[in-house]
Amino acid sequence: MQIGHGPPFVRESLFGGHGRVLVWDLLRGRAAPPFTAVLSCVLEEKGHVGRHVQQEYDEIVVGLTGYGEARVDGKPQPFGPGAVVYLPLGSALELTNEAPDKELRYLIIKATRDRSEDEAVVEAEDATGEPESGGESELEIVAVDDPERDGAAVVAGVIEDD
């Protein structure tokens, strides 16, 4: 599965890790508010993206193929097809491709956050610090090649409250 067109940016030993990461900018410099970046990435076999902190934007990382481990703020979790890792501003991420013979492919989606939403969430919390609704949200992300868009990737997300 190739998501991205043209030559990728090639990054070596990203954030102090090891191995090569190929990166395609799927927005190709176009504005798509609130999204600031949609990146298709390939981490080579046994590669590692070193620990780095989200300093500008919230981010989600979506596993496409391969298998490995994501560490969010030092906590390990399996990472592979269908995995979604949410990284709010200030959180730290490391990615490891655990496969000796297969690339780890994933999407990175960065977006600005309306800070007034943060204030609304704080106001909705009760004295225990738990959201009043008690509901959970589910995030579904779909990434497909769209032949009507010259093969460009289409990324769509839906958040539903139970």
C-alpha atoms as a PDB file:
ATOM      1  CA  MET A   1       0.000   0.000   0.000  1.00  0.00           C
ATOM      2  CA  GLN A   2       1.616   3.223  -1.177  1.00  0.00           C
ATOM      3  CA  ILE A   3       0.144   6.403   0.249  1.00  0.00           C
ATOM      4  CA  GLY A   4       1.952   9.410  -1.138  1.00  0.00           C
ATOM      5  CA  HIS A   5       3.157  10.583  -4.520  1.00  0.00           C
ATOM      6  CA  GLY A   6       6.504  11.731  -5.774  1.00  0.00           C
ATOM      7  CA  PRO A   7       9.765  11.400  -3.940  1.00  0.00           C
ATOM      8  CA  PRO A   8       9.541  11.296  -0.146  1.00  0.00           C
ATOM      9  CA  PHE A   9      11.520  13.324   2.339  1.00  0.00           C
ATOM     10  CA  VAL A  10      14.146  10.947   3.730  1.00  0.00           C
ATOM     11  CA  ARG A  11      14.933  11.285   7.423  1.00  0.00           C
ATOM     12  CA  GLU A  12      17.735   9.362   9.138  1.00  0.00           C
ATOM     13  CA  SER A  13      17.905   8.675  12.886  1.00  0.00           C
ATOM     14  CA  LEU A  14      14.827  10.819  13.510  1.00  0.00           C
ATOM     15  CA  PHE A  15      14.763  12.428  16.980  1.00  0.00           C
ATOM     16  CA  GLY A  16      17.832  10.458  18.038  1.00  0.00           C
ATOM     17  CA  GLY A  17      16.420   7.097  16.952  1.00  0.00           C
ATOM     18  CA  HIS A  18      17.925   4.839  14.315  1.00  0.00           C
ATOM     19  CA  GLY A  19      17.029   3.795  10.807  1.00  0.00           C
ATOM     20  CA  ARG A  20      15.388   5.609   7.932  1.00  0.00           C
ATOM     21  CA  VAL A  21      11.910   7.158   7.785  1.00  0.00           C
ATOM     22  CA  LEU A  22      10.334   8.077   4.431  1.00  0.00           C
ATOM     23  CA  VAL A  23       7.809  10.922   4.706  1.00  0.00           C
ATOM     24  CA  TRP A  24       5.266  12.170   2.143  1.00  0.00           C
ATOM     25  CA  ASP A  25       3.369  15.431   2.746  1.00  0.00           C
ATOM     26  CA  LEU A  26      -0.161  14.511   1.625  1.00  0.00           C
ATOM     27  CA  LEU A  27      -1.435  18.095   1.830  1.00  0.00           C
ATOM     28  CA  ARG A  28       1.445  19.221  -0.416  1.00  0.00           C
ATOM     29  CA  GLY A  29       1.498  22.656   1.178  1.00  0.00           C
ATOM     30  CA  ARG A  30      -2.241  23.251   0.752  1.00  0.00           C
ATOM     31  CA  ALA A  31      -4.282  24.833   3.536  1.00  0.00           C
ATOM     32  CA  ALA A  32      -6.813  22.479   5.162  1.00  0.00           C
ATOM     33  CA  PRO A  33      -7.804  24.053   8.497  1.00  0.00           C
ATOM     34  CA  PRO A  34      -7.830  22.878  11.223  1.00  0.00           C
ATOM     35  CA  PHE A  35      -5.274  20.372   9.895  1.00  0.00           C
ATOM     36  CA  THR A  36      -1.690  21.576   9.682  1.00  0.00           C
ATOM     37  CA  ALA A  37      -0.139  18.364   8.336  1.00  0.00           C
ATOM     38  CA  VAL A  38      -1.131  14.956   7.001  1.00  0.00           C
ATOM     39  CA  LEU A  39       1.973  12.828   6.575  1.00  0.00           C
ATOM     40  CA  SER A  40       2.358   9.322   5.195  1.00  0.00           C
ATOM     41  CA  CYS A  41       5.377   7.635   6.803  1.00  0.00           C
ATOM     42  CA  VAL A  42       7.362   4.429   6.355  1.00  0.00           C
ATOM     43  CA  LEU A  43       9.759   3.343   9.108  1.00  0.00           C
ATOM     44  CA  GLU A  44      12.289   0.773   7.914  1.00  0.00           C
ATOM     45  CA  GLU A  45      12.690  -2.684   9.406  1.00  0.00           C
ATOM     46  CA  LYS A  46      13.853  -2.612  13.063  1.00  0.00           C
ATOM     47  CA  GLY A  47      13.860   1.223  12.896  1.00  0.00           C
ATOM     48  CA  HIS A  48      13.148   3.509  15.832  1.00  0.00           C
ATOM     49  CA  VAL A  49      11.839   7.089  15.976  1.00  0.00           C
ATOM     50  CA  GLY A  50      13.274   8.614  19.141  1.00  0.00           C
ATOM     51  CA  ARG A  51      11.317  10.266  21.929  1.00  0.00           C
ATOM     52  CA  HIS A  52       9.957  13.672  20.961  1.00  0.00           C
ATOM     53  CA  VAL A  53       7.444  16.040  22.515  1.00  0.00           C
ATOM     54  CA  GLN A  54       4.454  17.503  20.653  1.00  0.00           C
ATOM     55  CA  GLN A  55       5.346  21.187  20.939  1.00  0.00           C
ATOM     56  CA  GLU A  56       3.043  22.911  18.456  1.00  0.00           C
ATOM     57  CA  TYR A  57       0.003  20.794  17.569  1.00  0.00           C
ATOM     58  CA  ASP A  58      -2.162  17.948  18.764  1.00  0.00           C
ATOM     59  CA  GLU A  59      -1.451  14.846  16.711  1.00  0.00           C
ATOM     60  CA  ILE A  60      -2.874  11.426  15.955  1.00  0.00           C
ATOM     61  CA  VAL A  61      -0.819   8.589  14.522  1.00  0.00           C
ATOM     62  CA  VAL A  62      -2.669   5.835  12.651  1.00  0.00           C
ATOM     63  CA  GLY A  63      -1.073   2.426  12.006  1.00  0.00           C
ATOM     64  CA  LEU A  64      -1.517   1.094   8.456  1.00  0.00           C
ATOM     65  CA  THR A  65       0.771  -1.930   7.991  1.00  0.00           C
ATOM     66  CA  GLY A  66       3.489  -3.730   9.920  1.00  0.00           C
ATOM     67  CA  TYR A  67       3.785  -4.031  13.678  1.00  0.00           C
ATOM     68  CA  GLY A  68       5.675  -2.392  16.460  1.00  0.00           C
ATOM     69  CA  GLU A  69       5.342  -0.408  19.635  1.00  0.00           C
ATOM     70  CA  ALA A  70       4.316   3.159  20.395  1.00  0.00           C
ATOM     71  CA  ARG A  71       5.414   4.709  23.685  1.00  0.00           C
ATOM     72  CA  VAL A  72       3.293   7.625  24.778  1.00  0.00           C
ATOM     73  CA  ASP A  73       4.709   9.480  27.765  1.00  0.00           C
ATOM     74  CA  GLY A  74       6.796   6.368  28.460  1.00  0.00           C
ATOM     75  CA  LYS A  75       3.848   3.937  28.434  1.00  0.00           C
ATOM     76  CA  PRO A  76       4.186   1.167  25.796  1.00  0.00           C
ATOM     77  CA  GLN A  77       1.303   0.031  23.615  1.00  0.00           C
ATOM     78  CA  PRO A  78       1.103  -2.230  20.564  1.00  0.00           C
ATOM     79  CA  PHE A  79       1.109  -0.351  17.259  1.00  0.00           C
ATOM     80  CA  GLY A  80      -0.006  -1.756  13.931  1.00  0.00           C
ATOM     81  CA  PRO A  81      -2.910  -1.732  11.449  1.00  0.00           C
ATOM     82  CA  GLY A  82      -5.884   0.140  12.862  1.00  0.00           C
ATOM     83  CA  ALA A  83      -4.075   1.461  15.944  1.00  0.00           C
ATOM     84  CA  VAL A  84      -4.795   5.121  16.690  1.00  0.00           C
ATOM     85  CA  VAL A  85      -2.523   7.013  19.078  1.00  0.00           C
ATOM     86  CA  TYR A  86      -3.727  10.417  20.283  1.00  0.00           C
ATOM     87  CA  LEU A  87      -0.997  12.846  21.298  1.00  0.00           C
ATOM     88  CA  PRO A  88      -2.220  16.048  22.900  1.00  0.00           C
ATOM     89  CA  LEU A  89       0.084  19.033  23.016  1.00  0.00           C
ATOM     90  CA  GLY A  90       2.954  18.369  25.443  1.00  0.00           C
ATOM     91  CA  SER A  91       2.878  14.565  25.245  1.00  0.00           C
ATOM     92  CA  ALA A  92       5.903  12.513  24.154  1.00  0.00           C
ATOM     93  CA  LEU A  93       6.038   9.765  21.511  1.00  0.00           C
ATOM     94  CA  GLU A  94       8.504   7.061  20.475  1.00  0.00           C
ATOM     95  CA  LEU A  95       7.841   4.523  17.694  1.00  0.00           C
ATOM     96  CA  THR A  96       9.627   1.221  17.161  1.00  0.00           C
ATOM     97  CA  ASN A  97       9.268  -1.130  14.204  1.00  0.00           C
ATOM     98  CA  GLU A  98       9.633  -4.580  15.755  1.00  0.00           C
ATOM     99  CA  ALA A  99       9.576  -6.457  12.448  1.00  0.00           C
ATOM    100  CA  PRO A 100      12.941  -7.695  11.177  1.00  0.00           C
ATOM    101  CA  ASP A 101      11.690  -7.905   7.579  1.00  0.00           C
ATOM    102  CA  LYS A 102       8.714  -5.565   7.138  1.00  0.00           C
ATOM    103  CA  GLU A 103       8.279  -1.792   7.037  1.00  0.00           C
ATOM    104  CA  LEU A 104       5.965  -0.019   9.488  1.00  0.00           C
ATOM    105  CA  ARG A 105       3.581   2.309   7.631  1.00  0.00           C
ATOM    106  CA  TYR A 106       1.515   4.960   9.369  1.00  0.00           C
ATOM    107  CA  LEU A 107      -0.190   8.326   8.978  1.00  0.00           C
ATOM    108  CA  ILE A 108       0.463  11.385  11.122  1.00  0.00           C
ATOM    109  CA  ILE A 109      -2.327  13.946  11.295  1.00  0.00           C
ATOM    110  CA  LYS A 110      -1.647  17.261  13.051  1.00  0.00           C
ATOM    111  CA  ALA A 111      -4.313  19.827  13.856  1.00  0.00           C
ATOM    112  CA  THR A 112      -4.730  23.068  15.688  1.00  0.00           C
ATOM    113  CA  ARG A 113      -7.060  23.010  18.636  1.00  0.00           C
ATOM    114  CA  ASP A 114      -9.654  25.639  19.431  1.00  0.00           C
ATOM    115  CA  ARG A 115      -8.548  26.552  22.952  1.00  0.00           C
ATOM    116  CA  SER A 116     -12.132  27.577  23.828  1.00  0.00           C
ATOM    117  CA  GLU A 117     -12.972  23.850  23.606  1.00  0.00           C
ATOM    118  CA  ASP A 118     -10.505  23.215  26.437  1.00  0.00           C
ATOM    119  CA  GLU A 119     -12.318  25.762  28.581  1.00  0.00           C
ATOM    120  CA  ALA A 120     -15.689  24.128  27.817  1.00  0.00           C
ATOM    121  CA  VAL A 121     -14.336  20.714  28.859  1.00  0.00           C
ATOM    122  CA  VAL A 122     -13.028  22.122  32.135  1.00  0.00           C
ATOM    123  CA  GLU A 123     -16.407  23.749  32.839  1.00  0.00           C
ATOM    124  CA  ALA A 124     -18.190  20.435  32.170  1.00  0.00           C
ATOM    125  CA  GLU A 125     -16.185  18.540  34.786  1.00  0.00           C
ATOM    126  CA  ASP A 126     -17.753  17.954  38.168  1.00  0.00           C
ATOM    127  CA  ALA A 127     -15.965  18.205  41.512  1.00  0.00           C
ATOM    128  CA  THR A 128     -14.350  14.761  41.067  1.00  0.00           C
ATOM    129  CA  GLY A 129     -12.687  15.853  37.835  1.00  0.00           C
ATOM    130  CA  GLU A 130     -14.741  13.413  35.737  1.00  0.00           C
ATOM    131  CA  PRO A 131     -16.815  14.582  32.758  1.00  0.00           C
ATOM    132  CA  GLU A 132     -20.456  15.009  33.753  1.00  0.00           C
ATOM    133  CA  SER A 133     -21.781  13.055  30.773  1.00  0.00           C
ATOM    134  CA  GLY A 134     -19.752   9.967  31.599  1.00  0.00           C
ATOM    135  CA  GLY A 135     -19.975   9.126  27.893  1.00  0.00           C
ATOM    136  CA  GLU A 136     -17.119   7.794  25.845  1.00  0.00           C
ATOM    137  CA  SER A 137     -16.057   8.896  22.396  1.00  0.00           C
ATOM    138  CA  GLU A 138     -15.020   6.682  19.557  1.00  0.00           C
ATOM    139  CA  LEU A 139     -12.748   7.902  16.782  1.00  0.00           C
ATOM    140  CA  GLU A 140     -12.857   6.152  13.440  1.00  0.00           C
ATOM    141  CA  ILE A 141     -10.334   7.041  10.766  1.00  0.00           C
ATOM    142  CA  VAL A 142     -10.389   5.792   7.212  1.00  0.00           C
ATOM    143  CA  ALA A 143      -7.522   6.221   4.749  1.00  0.00           C
ATOM    144  CA  VAL A 144      -7.979   5.111   1.144  1.00  0.00           C
ATOM    145  CA  ASP A 145      -6.461   5.855  -2.226  1.00  0.00           C
ATOM    146  CA  ASP A 146      -9.022   7.834  -4.244  1.00  0.00           C
ATOM    147  CA  PRO A 147      -8.660   7.296  -8.017  1.00  0.00           C
ATOM    148  CA  GLU A 148     -10.904  10.332  -8.667  1.00  0.00           C
ATOM    149  CA  ARG A 149      -8.285  12.486  -6.916  1.00  0.00           C
ATOM    150  CA  ASP A 150      -5.345  11.181  -8.964  1.00  0.00           C
ATOM    151  CA  GLY A 151      -4.689   8.494  -6.345  1.00  0.00           C
ATOM    152  CA  ALA A 152      -4.320  10.997  -3.485  1.00  0.00           C
ATOM    153  CA  ALA A 153      -5.107   9.687  -0.039  1.00  0.00           C
ATOM    154  CA  VAL A 154      -8.414  10.617   1.531  1.00  0.00           C
ATOM    155  CA  VAL A 155      -8.537  10.773   5.306  1.00  0.00           C
ATOM    156  CA  ALA A 156     -11.850  11.094   7.119  1.00  0.00           C
ATOM    157  CA  GLY A 157     -12.640  10.983  10.808  1.00  0.00           C
ATOM    158  CA  VAL A 158     -15.845  10.628  12.788  1.00  0.00           C
ATOM    159  CA  ILE A 159     -16.274  11.124  16.515  1.00  0.00           C
ATOM    160  CA  GLU A 160     -19.366   9.566  18.047  1.00  0.00           C
ATOM    161  CA  ASP A 161     -20.554   9.753  21.627  1.00  0.00           C
ATOM    162  CA  ASP A 162     -22.121   6.583  23.031  1.00  0.00           C
END
